[in-house]
C-alpha atoms as a PDB file:
ATOM      1  CA  UNK A   1      -7.027  90.630 147.447  1.00  0.00           C
ATOM      2  CA  UNK A   2      -6.387  88.107 150.231  1.00  0.00           C
ATOM      3  CA  UNK A   3      -6.734  85.228 147.757  1.00  0.00           C
ATOM      4  CA  UNK A   4      -4.188  86.873 145.433  1.00  0.00           C
ATOM      5  CA  UNK A   5      -1.739  87.377 148.356  1.00  0.00           C
ATOM      6  CA  UNK A   6      -2.108  83.725 149.387  1.00  0.00           C
ATOM      7  CA  UNK A   7      -1.478  82.612 145.833  1.00  0.00           C
ATOM      8  CA  UNK A   8       1.739  84.689 145.614  1.00  0.00           C
ATOM      9  CA  UNK A   9       2.918  83.423 149.007  1.00  0.00           C
ATOM     10  CA  UNK A  10       2.262  79.860 147.984  1.00  0.00           C
ATOM     11  CA  UNK A  11       4.171  80.282 144.719  1.00  0.00           C
ATOM     12  CA  UNK A  12       7.058  81.936 146.573  1.00  0.00           C
ATOM     13  CA  UNK A  13       7.195  79.060 149.039  1.00  0.00           C
ATOM     14  CA  UNK A  14       7.217  76.545 146.200  1.00  0.00           C
ATOM     15  CA  UNK A  15      10.061  78.445 144.493  1.00  0.00           C
ATOM     16  CA  UNK A  16      12.078  78.481 147.727  1.00  0.00           C
ATOM     17  CA  UNK A  17      11.567  74.751 148.191  1.00  0.00           C
ATOM     18  CA  UNK A  18      12.625  74.090 144.597  1.00  0.00           C
ATOM     19  CA  UNK A  19      15.736  76.238 145.111  1.00  0.00           C
ATOM     20  CA  UNK A  20      16.617  74.369 148.308  1.00  0.00           C
ATOM     21  CA  UNK A  21      16.200  71.034 146.520  1.00  0.00           C
ATOM     22  CA  UNK A  22      18.405  72.224 143.666  1.00  0.00           C
ATOM     23  CA  UNK A  23      21.058  73.349 146.157  1.00  0.00           C
ATOM     24  CA  UNK A  24      21.005  69.924 147.811  1.00  0.00           C
ATOM     25  CA  UNK A  25      21.311  68.216 144.431  1.00  0.00           C
ATOM     26  CA  UNK A  26      24.209  70.457 143.332  1.00  0.00           C
ATOM     27  CA  UNK A  27      25.961  69.992 146.675  1.00  0.00           C
ATOM     28  CA  UNK A  28      25.465  66.235 146.431  1.00  0.00           C
ATOM     29  CA  UNK A  29      27.045  66.173 142.967  1.00  0.00           C
ATOM     30  CA  UNK A  30      30.067  68.121 144.220  1.00  0.00           C
ATOM     31  CA  UNK A  31      30.489  65.834 147.234  1.00  0.00           C
ATOM     32  CA  UNK A  32      30.279  62.722 145.011  1.00  0.00           C
ATOM     33  CA  UNK A  33      33.095  64.232 142.930  1.00  0.00           C
ATOM     34  CA  UNK A  34      35.151  64.662 146.135  1.00  0.00           C
ATOM     35  CA  UNK A  35      34.900  68.453 146.331  1.00  0.00           C
ATOM     36  CA  UNK A  36      34.872  69.704 149.916  1.00  0.00           C
ATOM     37  CA  UNK A  37      33.946  72.910 151.755  1.00  0.00           C
ATOM     38  CA  UNK A  38      36.733  75.192 152.956  1.00  0.00           C
ATOM     39  CA  UNK A  39      38.753  73.667 155.762  1.00  0.00           C
ATOM     40  CA  UNK A  40      41.569  75.386 157.666  1.00  0.00           C
ATOM     41  CA  UNK A  41      43.578  72.568 159.216  1.00  0.00           C
ATOM     42  CA  UNK A  42      46.889  73.554 160.848  1.00  0.00           C
ATOM     43  CA  UNK A  43      49.752  71.317 159.721  1.00  0.00           C
ATOM     44  CA  UNK A  44      50.814  68.644 162.194  1.00  0.00           C
ATOM     45  CA  UNK A  45      53.920  70.480 163.387  1.00  0.00           C
ATOM     46  CA  UNK A  46      55.171  70.625 166.965  1.00  0.00           C
ATOM     47  CA  UNK A  47      58.028  73.003 167.781  1.00  0.00           C
ATOM     48  CA  UNK A  48      60.144  72.772 170.924  1.00  0.00           C
ATOM     49  CA  UNK A  49      60.773  75.040 172.755  1.00  0.00           C
ATOM     50  CA  UNK A  50      57.245  76.374 172.397  1.00  0.00           C
ATOM     51  CA  UNK A  51      56.536  79.949 171.438  1.00  0.00           C
ATOM     52  CA  UNK A  52      56.541  79.670 167.671  1.00  0.00           C
ATOM     53  CA  UNK A  53      59.125  79.328 164.929  1.00  0.00           C
ATOM     54  CA  UNK A  54      58.909  82.846 163.460  1.00  0.00           C
ATOM     55  CA  UNK A  55      59.360  86.445 164.577  1.00  0.00           C
ATOM     56  CA  UNK A  56      57.557  89.383 163.023  1.00  0.00           C
ATOM     57  CA  UNK A  57      59.724  91.574 160.784  1.00  0.00           C
ATOM     58  CA  UNK A  58      58.706  95.033 159.586  1.00  0.00           C
ATOM     59  CA  UNK A  59      60.450  94.618 156.200  1.00  0.00           C
ATOM     60  CA  UNK A  60      60.261  90.900 155.415  1.00  0.00           C
ATOM     61  CA  UNK A  61      56.954  90.172 157.139  1.00  0.00           C
ATOM     62  CA  UNK A  62      58.533  87.483 159.296  1.00  0.00           C
ATOM     63  CA  UNK A  63      61.807  85.640 159.827  1.00  0.00           C
ATOM     64  CA  UNK A  64      63.011  82.592 161.739  1.00  0.00           C
ATOM     65  CA  UNK A  65      63.491  82.911 165.469  1.00  0.00           C
ATOM     66  CA  UNK A  66      67.082  82.630 166.738  1.00  0.00           C
ATOM     67  CA  UNK A  67      68.010  79.482 168.670  1.00  0.00           C
ATOM     68  CA  UNK A  68      67.826  75.727 168.301  1.00  0.00           C
ATOM     69  CA  UNK A  69      64.471  74.063 167.668  1.00  0.00           C
ATOM     70  CA  UNK A  70      63.390  70.436 167.739  1.00  0.00           C
ATOM     71  CA  UNK A  71      60.539  69.893 165.294  1.00  0.00           C
ATOM     72  CA  UNK A  72      58.145  66.962 165.019  1.00  0.00           C
ATOM     73  CA  UNK A  73      56.020  66.329 161.931  1.00  0.00           C
ATOM     74  CA  UNK A  74      52.915  64.148 162.129  1.00  0.00           C
ATOM     75  CA  UNK A  75      54.183  62.782 165.475  1.00  0.00           C
ATOM     76  CA  UNK A  76      56.560  60.291 163.854  1.00  0.00           C
ATOM     77  CA  UNK A  77      59.264  62.342 162.118  1.00  0.00           C
ATOM     78  CA  UNK A  78      61.633  64.816 163.758  1.00  0.00           C
ATOM     79  CA  UNK A  79      64.582  67.059 162.926  1.00  0.00           C
ATOM     80  CA  UNK A  80      66.517  69.952 164.489  1.00  0.00           C
ATOM     81  CA  UNK A  81      66.985  73.448 163.109  1.00  0.00           C
ATOM     82  CA  UNK A  82      69.470  75.975 164.528  1.00  0.00           C
ATOM     83  CA  UNK A  83      69.404  79.689 163.708  1.00  0.00           C
ATOM     84  CA  UNK A  84      71.906  82.412 164.507  1.00  0.00           C
ATOM     85  CA  UNK A  85      71.087  85.789 166.045  1.00  0.00           C
ATOM     86  CA  UNK A  86      69.744  87.027 162.683  1.00  0.00           C
ATOM     87  CA  UNK A  87      67.450  84.015 162.345  1.00  0.00           C
ATOM     88  CA  UNK A  88      69.627  82.459 159.611  1.00  0.00           C
ATOM     89  CA  UNK A  89      70.281  78.728 159.659  1.00  0.00           C
ATOM     90  CA  UNK A  90      73.794  77.893 160.745  1.00  0.00           C
ATOM     91  CA  UNK A  91      76.277  76.268 158.377  1.00  0.00           C
ATOM     92  CA  UNK A  92      78.882  75.222 160.971  1.00  0.00           C
ATOM     93  CA  UNK A  93      78.958  74.263 164.653  1.00  0.00           C
ATOM     94  CA  UNK A  94      81.788  76.446 165.856  1.00  0.00           C
ATOM     95  CA  UNK A  95      82.076  80.187 165.496  1.00  0.00           C
ATOM     96  CA  UNK A  96      85.393  81.496 164.260  1.00  0.00           C
ATOM     97  CA  UNK A  97      86.805  84.981 163.924  1.00  0.00           C
ATOM     98  CA  UNK A  98      88.461  84.404 160.549  1.00  0.00           C
ATOM     99  CA  UNK A  99      87.479  86.876 157.859  1.00  0.00           C
ATOM    100  CA  UNK A 100      86.822  84.857 154.720  1.00  0.00           C
ATOM    101  CA  UNK A 101      85.148  85.697 151.397  1.00  0.00           C
ATOM    102  CA  UNK A 102      81.433  85.103 151.805  1.00  0.00           C
ATOM    103  CA  UNK A 103      79.019  83.181 149.600  1.00  0.00           C
ATOM    104  CA  UNK A 104      75.397  84.065 150.324  1.00  0.00           C
ATOM    105  CA  UNK A 105      72.864  81.379 149.370  1.00  0.00           C
ATOM    106  CA  UNK A 106      69.337  82.782 149.105  1.00  0.00           C
ATOM    107  CA  UNK A 107      66.180  80.728 148.833  1.00  0.00           C
ATOM    108  CA  UNK A 108      63.049  79.344 150.433  1.00  0.00           C
ATOM    109  CA  UNK A 109      62.480  76.291 152.635  1.00  0.00           C
ATOM    110  CA  UNK A 110      64.394  74.143 150.124  1.00  0.00           C
ATOM    111  CA  UNK A 111      67.505  76.190 150.871  1.00  0.00           C
ATOM    112  CA  UNK A 112      66.793  76.585 154.567  1.00  0.00           C
ATOM    113  CA  UNK A 113      66.456  72.818 154.774  1.00  0.00           C
ATOM    114  CA  UNK A 114      63.016  72.239 156.279  1.00  0.00           C
ATOM    115  CA  UNK A 115      62.663  68.594 157.387  1.00  0.00           C
ATOM    116  CA  UNK A 116      66.430  67.857 157.551  1.00  0.00           C
ATOM    117  CA  UNK A 117      68.986  68.446 160.305  1.00  0.00           C
ATOM    118  CA  UNK A 118      71.496  71.306 160.228  1.00  0.00           C
ATOM    119  CA  UNK A 119      74.433  69.251 158.970  1.00  0.00           C
ATOM    120  CA  UNK A 120      72.279  67.672 156.233  1.00  0.00           C
ATOM    121  CA  UNK A 121      71.420  70.959 154.476  1.00  0.00           C
ATOM    122  CA  UNK A 122      73.274  71.631 151.231  1.00  0.00           C
ATOM    123  CA  UNK A 123      74.680  75.010 152.429  1.00  0.00           C
ATOM    124  CA  UNK A 124      76.238  73.133 155.374  1.00  0.00           C
ATOM    125  CA  UNK A 125      77.672  70.477 153.045  1.00  0.00           C
ATOM    126  CA  UNK A 126      79.111  73.163 150.767  1.00  0.00           C
ATOM    127  CA  UNK A 127      80.672  74.900 153.793  1.00  0.00           C
ATOM    128  CA  UNK A 128      82.368  71.650 154.775  1.00  0.00           C
ATOM    129  CA  UNK A 129      84.023  71.529 151.327  1.00  0.00           C
ATOM    130  CA  UNK A 130      84.835  75.204 150.749  1.00  0.00           C
ATOM    131  CA  UNK A 131      87.021  75.930 153.773  1.00  0.00           C
ATOM    132  CA  UNK A 132      88.351  79.199 152.371  1.00  0.00           C
ATOM    133  CA  UNK A 133      84.877  80.724 152.115  1.00  0.00           C
ATOM    134  CA  UNK A 134      82.137  81.499 154.596  1.00  0.00           C
ATOM    135  CA  UNK A 135      78.755  80.132 153.486  1.00  0.00           C
ATOM    136  CA  UNK A 136      75.713  82.069 154.698  1.00  0.00           C
ATOM    137  CA  UNK A 137      72.342  80.311 154.410  1.00  0.00           C
ATOM    138  CA  UNK A 138      69.715  83.014 153.889  1.00  0.00           C
ATOM    139  CA  UNK A 139      66.995  80.453 153.072  1.00  0.00           C
ATOM    140  CA  UNK A 140      63.737  80.975 154.964  1.00  0.00           C
ATOM    141  CA  UNK A 141      60.562  78.908 154.834  1.00  0.00           C
ATOM    142  CA  UNK A 142      57.891  80.524 152.678  1.00  0.00           C
ATOM    143  CA  UNK A 143      60.133  83.143 151.085  1.00  0.00           C
ATOM    144  CA  UNK A 144      60.064  84.129 147.424  1.00  0.00           C
ATOM    145  CA  UNK A 145      61.988  86.427 145.087  1.00  0.00           C
ATOM    146  CA  UNK A 146      60.486  89.471 146.790  1.00  0.00           C
ATOM    147  CA  UNK A 147      62.094  88.390 150.076  1.00  0.00           C
ATOM    148  CA  UNK A 148      65.449  87.689 148.411  1.00  0.00           C
ATOM    149  CA  UNK A 149      65.499  91.239 147.044  1.00  0.00           C
ATOM    150  CA  UNK A 150      64.535  92.805 150.386  1.00  0.00           C
ATOM    151  CA  UNK A 151      67.034  90.622 152.280  1.00  0.00           C
ATOM    152  CA  UNK A 152      69.863  91.489 149.912  1.00  0.00           C
ATOM    153  CA  UNK A 153      69.101  95.219 149.826  1.00  0.00           C
ATOM    154  CA  UNK A 154      68.979  95.458 153.625  1.00  0.00           C
ATOM    155  CA  UNK A 155      72.066  93.290 154.165  1.00  0.00           C
ATOM    156  CA  UNK A 156      74.192  95.244 151.679  1.00  0.00           C
ATOM    157  CA  UNK A 157      73.339  98.421 153.578  1.00  0.00           C
ATOM    158  CA  UNK A 158      74.535  96.976 156.900  1.00  0.00           C
ATOM    159  CA  UNK A 159      76.720  93.918 156.461  1.00  0.00           C
ATOM    160  CA  UNK A 160      80.005  92.735 154.937  1.00  0.00           C
ATOM    161  CA  UNK A 161      79.737  92.506 151.187  1.00  0.00           C
ATOM    162  CA  UNK A 162      79.746  88.946 149.814  1.00  0.00           C
ATOM    163  CA  UNK A 163      81.913  87.735 146.983  1.00  0.00           C
ATOM    164  CA  UNK A 164      79.131  85.617 145.482  1.00  0.00           C
ATOM    165  CA  UNK A 165      75.332  85.583 145.776  1.00  0.00           C
ATOM    166  CA  UNK A 166      73.498  82.394 144.826  1.00  0.00           C
ATOM    167  CA  UNK A 167      69.785  82.845 144.142  1.00  0.00           C
ATOM    168  CA  UNK A 168      67.813  79.584 144.154  1.00  0.00           C
ATOM    169  CA  UNK A 169      64.689  79.988 142.032  1.00  0.00           C
ATOM    170  CA  UNK A 170      61.552  77.838 141.886  1.00  0.00           C
ATOM    171  CA  UNK A 171      58.461  78.618 139.831  1.00  0.00           C
ATOM    172  CA  UNK A 172      56.232  78.395 142.907  1.00  0.00           C
ATOM    173  CA  UNK A 173      57.857  81.680 143.984  1.00  0.00           C
ATOM    174  CA  UNK A 174      55.612  83.421 141.418  1.00  0.00           C
ATOM    175  CA  UNK A 175      52.572  83.050 143.710  1.00  0.00           C
ATOM    176  CA  UNK A 176      54.565  84.263 146.695  1.00  0.00           C
ATOM    177  CA  UNK A 177      55.788  87.401 144.960  1.00  0.00           C
ATOM    178  CA  UNK A 178      52.234  88.677 144.425  1.00  0.00           C
ATOM    179  CA  UNK A 179      50.696  86.881 147.427  1.00  0.00           C
ATOM    180  CA  UNK A 180      48.013  85.218 145.340  1.00  0.00           C
ATOM    181  CA  UNK A 181      44.729  83.931 146.732  1.00  0.00           C
ATOM    182  CA  UNK A 182      46.070  80.427 146.179  1.00  0.00           C
ATOM    183  CA  UNK A 183      49.059  81.263 148.386  1.00  0.00           C
ATOM    184  CA  UNK A 184      46.811  82.817 151.038  1.00  0.00           C
ATOM    185  CA  UNK A 185      44.738  79.654 151.290  1.00  0.00           C
ATOM    186  CA  UNK A 186      47.863  77.546 151.546  1.00  0.00           C
ATOM    187  CA  UNK A 187      49.681  79.385 154.340  1.00  0.00           C
ATOM    188  CA  UNK A 188      46.939  80.977 156.444  1.00  0.00           C
ATOM    189  CA  UNK A 189      46.707  77.810 158.541  1.00  0.00           C
ATOM    190  CA  UNK A 190      50.378  78.193 159.573  1.00  0.00           C
ATOM    191  CA  UNK A 191      49.832  81.329 161.649  1.00  0.00           C
ATOM    192  CA  UNK A 192      50.080  79.229 164.799  1.00  0.00           C
ATOM    193  CA  UNK A 193      53.855  79.051 164.184  1.00  0.00           C
ATOM    194  CA  UNK A 194      54.208  82.835 164.433  1.00  0.00           C
ATOM    195  CA  UNK A 195      52.616  86.183 163.621  1.00  0.00           C
ATOM    196  CA  UNK A 196      53.001  86.187 159.835  1.00  0.00           C
ATOM    197  CA  UNK A 197      52.926  89.112 157.425  1.00  0.00           C
ATOM    198  CA  UNK A 198      53.688  88.875 153.711  1.00  0.00           C
ATOM    199  CA  UNK A 199      55.288  91.476 151.425  1.00  0.00           C
ATOM    200  CA  UNK A 200      53.972  91.406 147.867  1.00  0.00           C
ATOM    201  CA  UNK A 201      54.557  93.268 144.631  1.00  0.00           C
ATOM    202  CA  UNK A 202      52.131  95.045 142.332  1.00  0.00           C
ATOM    203  CA  UNK A 203      52.757  96.971 139.117  1.00  0.00           C
ATOM    204  CA  UNK A 204      51.360 100.499 138.971  1.00  0.00           C
ATOM    205  CA  UNK A 205      49.964 102.298 135.934  1.00  0.00           C
ATOM    206  CA  UNK A 206      53.461 103.500 135.001  1.00  0.00           C
ATOM    207  CA  UNK A 207      54.849  99.956 134.986  1.00  0.00           C
ATOM    208  CA  UNK A 208      56.771 100.519 138.224  1.00  0.00           C
ATOM    209  CA  UNK A 209      57.011  97.902 140.966  1.00  0.00           C
ATOM    210  CA  UNK A 210      55.321  98.780 144.255  1.00  0.00           C
ATOM    211  CA  UNK A 211      55.918  96.631 147.354  1.00  0.00           C
ATOM    212  CA  UNK A 212      53.178  96.404 149.994  1.00  0.00           C
ATOM    213  CA  UNK A 213      52.478  94.121 152.969  1.00  0.00           C
ATOM    214  CA  UNK A 214      49.479  92.057 153.999  1.00  0.00           C
ATOM    215  CA  UNK A 215      48.477  89.966 156.975  1.00  0.00           C
ATOM    216  CA  UNK A 216      48.519  86.251 156.232  1.00  0.00           C
ATOM    217  CA  UNK A 217      44.752  85.845 156.428  1.00  0.00           C
ATOM    218  CA  UNK A 218      42.329  84.075 154.113  1.00  0.00           C
ATOM    219  CA  UNK A 219      38.626  85.004 154.185  1.00  0.00           C
ATOM    220  CA  UNK A 220      36.286  82.299 152.881  1.00  0.00           C
ATOM    221  CA  UNK A 221      32.908  83.377 151.547  1.00  0.00           C
ATOM    222  CA  UNK A 222      29.788  82.955 153.680  1.00  0.00           C
ATOM    223  CA  UNK A 223      28.720  79.280 153.591  1.00  0.00           C
ATOM    224  CA  UNK A 224      32.059  78.249 151.997  1.00  0.00           C
ATOM    225  CA  UNK A 225      32.866  76.388 155.227  1.00  0.00           C
ATOM    226  CA  UNK A 226      29.617  74.433 154.855  1.00  0.00           C
ATOM    227  CA  UNK A 227      28.989  74.001 151.128  1.00  0.00           C
ATOM    228  CA  UNK A 228      31.480  72.525 148.687  1.00  0.00           C
ATOM    229  CA  UNK A 229      30.053  74.225 145.591  1.00  0.00           C
ATOM    230  CA  UNK A 230      30.265  77.680 147.226  1.00  0.00           C
ATOM    231  CA  UNK A 231      33.946  77.128 148.003  1.00  0.00           C
ATOM    232  CA  UNK A 232      34.463  75.798 144.466  1.00  0.00           C
ATOM    233  CA  UNK A 233      32.970  78.998 143.010  1.00  0.00           C
ATOM    234  CA  UNK A 234      35.156  81.106 145.296  1.00  0.00           C
ATOM    235  CA  UNK A 235      38.317  79.283 144.170  1.00  0.00           C
ATOM    236  CA  UNK A 236      37.367  79.650 140.505  1.00  0.00           C
ATOM    237  CA  UNK A 237      36.827  83.400 140.815  1.00  0.00           C
ATOM    238  CA  UNK A 238      40.044  83.781 142.803  1.00  0.00           C
ATOM    239  CA  UNK A 239      41.912  81.820 140.144  1.00  0.00           C
ATOM    240  CA  UNK A 240      40.870  84.332 137.467  1.00  0.00           C
ATOM    241  CA  UNK A 241      41.723  87.244 139.755  1.00  0.00           C
ATOM    242  CA  UNK A 242      45.170  85.711 140.351  1.00  0.00           C
ATOM    243  CA  UNK A 243      45.771  85.631 136.588  1.00  0.00           C
ATOM    244  CA  UNK A 244      45.530  89.430 136.503  1.00  0.00           C
ATOM    245  CA  UNK A 245      48.302  89.900 139.084  1.00  0.00           C
ATOM    246  CA  UNK A 246      51.112  89.491 136.508  1.00  0.00           C
ATOM    247  CA  UNK A 247      53.171  87.260 138.777  1.00  0.00           C
ATOM    248  CA  UNK A 248      55.882  86.573 136.179  1.00  0.00           C
ATOM    249  CA  UNK A 249      56.203  90.254 135.334  1.00  0.00           C
ATOM    250  CA  UNK A 250      56.523  91.123 139.037  1.00  0.00           C
ATOM    251  CA  UNK A 251      59.148  88.388 139.435  1.00  0.00           C
ATOM    252  CA  UNK A 252      61.115  89.695 136.461  1.00  0.00           C
ATOM    253  CA  UNK A 253      61.175  93.230 137.910  1.00  0.00           C
ATOM    254  CA  UNK A 254      62.381  91.844 141.261  1.00  0.00           C
ATOM    255  CA  UNK A 255      65.135  89.808 139.592  1.00  0.00           C
ATOM    256  CA  UNK A 256      66.253  92.860 137.603  1.00  0.00           C
ATOM    257  CA  UNK A 257      66.554  94.788 140.866  1.00  0.00           C
ATOM    258  CA  UNK A 258      68.718  92.003 142.312  1.00  0.00           C
ATOM    259  CA  UNK A 259      70.926  92.016 139.190  1.00  0.00           C
ATOM    260  CA  UNK A 260      71.299  95.790 139.504  1.00  0.00           C
ATOM    261  CA  UNK A 261      72.254  95.588 143.197  1.00  0.00           C
ATOM    262  CA  UNK A 262      74.930  92.978 142.495  1.00  0.00           C
ATOM    263  CA  UNK A 263      76.380  94.963 139.590  1.00  0.00           C
ATOM    264  CA  UNK A 264      76.517  98.124 141.686  1.00  0.00           C
ATOM    265  CA  UNK A 265      78.460  96.297 144.415  1.00  0.00           C
ATOM    266  CA  UNK A 266      80.565  94.236 141.980  1.00  0.00           C
ATOM    267  CA  UNK A 267      79.169  90.975 143.385  1.00  0.00           C
ATOM    268  CA  UNK A 268      79.155  87.778 141.330  1.00  0.00           C
ATOM    269  CA  UNK A 269      75.529  86.652 140.979  1.00  0.00           C
ATOM    270  CA  UNK A 270      74.686  83.029 140.265  1.00  0.00           C
ATOM    271  CA  UNK A 271      71.131  81.842 139.574  1.00  0.00           C
ATOM    272  CA  UNK A 272      69.919  78.268 139.926  1.00  0.00           C
ATOM    273  CA  UNK A 273      66.757  76.363 139.214  1.00  0.00           C
ATOM    274  CA  UNK A 274      65.991  74.286 142.283  1.00  0.00           C
ATOM    275  CA  UNK A 275      62.562  72.916 141.356  1.00  0.00           C
ATOM    276  CA  UNK A 276      60.458  72.048 138.326  1.00  0.00           C
ATOM    277  CA  UNK A 277      60.479  73.709 134.925  1.00  0.00           C
ATOM    278  CA  UNK A 278      63.638  75.765 134.350  1.00  0.00           C
ATOM    279  CA  UNK A 279      62.486  77.550 131.160  1.00  0.00           C
ATOM    280  CA  UNK A 280      61.611  80.939 132.682  1.00  0.00           C
ATOM    281  CA  UNK A 281      64.638  81.361 134.936  1.00  0.00           C
ATOM    282  CA  UNK A 282      67.077  80.001 132.366  1.00  0.00           C
ATOM    283  CA  UNK A 283      65.820  82.503 129.782  1.00  0.00           C
ATOM    284  CA  UNK A 284      66.102  85.345 132.285  1.00  0.00           C
ATOM    285  CA  UNK A 285      69.671  84.333 133.180  1.00  0.00           C
ATOM    286  CA  UNK A 286      70.624  84.145 129.526  1.00  0.00           C
ATOM    287  CA  UNK A 287      69.076  87.548 128.733  1.00  0.00           C
ATOM    288  CA  UNK A 288      71.001  89.265 131.539  1.00  0.00           C
ATOM    289  CA  UNK A 289      74.145  87.140 131.143  1.00  0.00           C
ATOM    290  CA  UNK A 290      73.966  85.651 134.641  1.00  0.00           C
ATOM    291  CA  UNK A 291      75.688  82.284 135.226  1.00  0.00           C
ATOM    292  CA  UNK A 292      72.970  79.639 135.539  1.00  0.00           C
ATOM    293  CA  UNK A 293      72.898  76.037 136.734  1.00  0.00           C
ATOM    294  CA  UNK A 294      69.988  73.610 137.103  1.00  0.00           C
ATOM    295  CA  UNK A 295      70.344  71.811 140.448  1.00  0.00           C
ATOM    296  CA  UNK A 296      66.789  70.425 140.621  1.00  0.00           C
ATOM    297  CA  UNK A 297      66.112  66.786 141.439  1.00  0.00           C
ATOM    298  CA  UNK A 298      63.023  64.711 140.699  1.00  0.00           C
ATOM    299  CA  UNK A 299      60.937  65.095 143.857  1.00  0.00           C
ATOM    300  CA  UNK A 300      58.559  62.422 142.579  1.00  0.00           C
ATOM    301  CA  UNK A 301      61.220  59.894 143.526  1.00  0.00           C
ATOM    302  CA  UNK A 302      60.740  58.593 147.041  1.00  0.00           C
ATOM    303  CA  UNK A 303      64.376  58.952 148.118  1.00  0.00           C
ATOM    304  CA  UNK A 304      64.413  62.682 147.374  1.00  0.00           C
ATOM    305  CA  UNK A 305      61.669  63.622 149.881  1.00  0.00           C
ATOM    306  CA  UNK A 306      60.663  62.691 153.418  1.00  0.00           C
ATOM    307  CA  UNK A 307      57.224  61.418 152.440  1.00  0.00           C
ATOM    308  CA  UNK A 308      54.817  60.441 153.920  1.00  0.00           C
ATOM    309  CA  UNK A 309      55.771  62.846 156.694  1.00  0.00           C
ATOM    310  CA  UNK A 310      56.821  65.783 154.538  1.00  0.00           C
ATOM    311  CA  UNK A 311      57.221  66.577 150.834  1.00  0.00           C
ATOM    312  CA  UNK A 312      60.316  68.769 151.192  1.00  0.00           C
ATOM    313  CA  UNK A 313      63.727  67.619 149.886  1.00  0.00           C
ATOM    314  CA  UNK A 314      65.406  64.863 151.894  1.00  0.00           C
ATOM    315  CA  UNK A 315      69.047  64.705 152.984  1.00  0.00           C
ATOM    316  CA  UNK A 316      69.787  62.726 149.785  1.00  0.00           C
ATOM    317  CA  UNK A 317      68.276  65.562 147.708  1.00  0.00           C
ATOM    318  CA  UNK A 318      70.421  68.060 149.619  1.00  0.00           C
ATOM    319  CA  UNK A 319      73.495  65.992 148.816  1.00  0.00           C
ATOM    320  CA  UNK A 320      72.583  66.253 145.125  1.00  0.00           C
ATOM    321  CA  UNK A 321      72.059  70.020 145.380  1.00  0.00           C
ATOM    322  CA  UNK A 322      75.448  70.384 147.065  1.00  0.00           C
ATOM    323  CA  UNK A 323      77.213  68.244 144.466  1.00  0.00           C
ATOM    324  CA  UNK A 324      75.764  70.170 141.526  1.00  0.00           C
ATOM    325  CA  UNK A 325      76.529  73.548 143.061  1.00  0.00           C
ATOM    326  CA  UNK A 326      80.037  72.537 144.095  1.00  0.00           C
ATOM    327  CA  UNK A 327      80.771  71.249 140.595  1.00  0.00           C
ATOM    328  CA  UNK A 328      79.614  74.562 139.188  1.00  0.00           C
ATOM    329  CA  UNK A 329      81.606  76.588 141.727  1.00  0.00           C
ATOM    330  CA  UNK A 330      84.843  74.749 141.111  1.00  0.00           C
ATOM    331  CA  UNK A 331      84.551  74.525 137.329  1.00  0.00           C
ATOM    332  CA  UNK A 332      83.279  78.016 136.456  1.00  0.00           C
ATOM    333  CA  UNK A 333      82.728  80.474 139.296  1.00  0.00           C
ATOM    334  CA  UNK A 334      85.622  80.210 141.753  1.00  0.00           C
ATOM    335  CA  UNK A 335      88.220  79.784 139.007  1.00  0.00           C
ATOM    336  CA  UNK A 336      87.357  83.215 137.653  1.00  0.00           C
ATOM    337  CA  UNK A 337      87.165  84.863 141.096  1.00  0.00           C
ATOM    338  CA  UNK A 338      90.339  86.454 142.473  1.00  0.00           C
END
């Protein structure tokens, strides 16, 4: 009996040693191919005054803090960002009491103008040209279509009604609208800039859109911080789970809600493509007869970003956005607006 037990124990030990060797071999192969374990490295961003860049918001998850902020990226690149009492980026230096027709420009960090100064953002440039209108920059870093809908719905309940709403679409908003695992991994390291929550949409069994909220937290598997192949497996499984979240369908339902809101309030809606492939958003605009313009620039060109410090659009890119939007305003939109 004892001899049989020793034999089993010996075989078990051999099997464990073989498994450990195989794990080392597999891990070595992954490392040679430049796969790495999970790493959560906060971006090199310094905000002054200290205390974060975002405030928690019960509806939107988070929003920009009011005030003026000096921001340094990777210690060598800096810009200033000023927000009004609502946390919206300013489009002019001086306040005035004139009541003018409003144009609301909604978007993400591209619209907000991350990595450029206030007067270099394209909403600011447009304001400097359209003196008879008030330009409101609703752009907020990290926002997607789900935020644009929630912003618009809340604002129309409380604020002056705009004449025109411009919705700047990018295909990377798909991930944001369902808060995919990919998006979680990407933004969880930015929690040091503020207490972040994220609204996201799901489609119920009746095909209706449900909006929930989640903390911006990513949970790596056990050993994913140590072993590259474990983290690789986790990402692969999460990729397939993300495919089942119907991000385009969720986005379409959100856009339809925005179209409905604007029609109810008799607001002129304009949709743009501000990044990448325009096929999806152009087809949606055509289906629902929404004026559409492609204002995207080639961000692979050095002059259109602030690389190597940041990959967001540069002041030159913002000048191009402003030019394309202004051309569209003056040729098609404002001519037909009383």
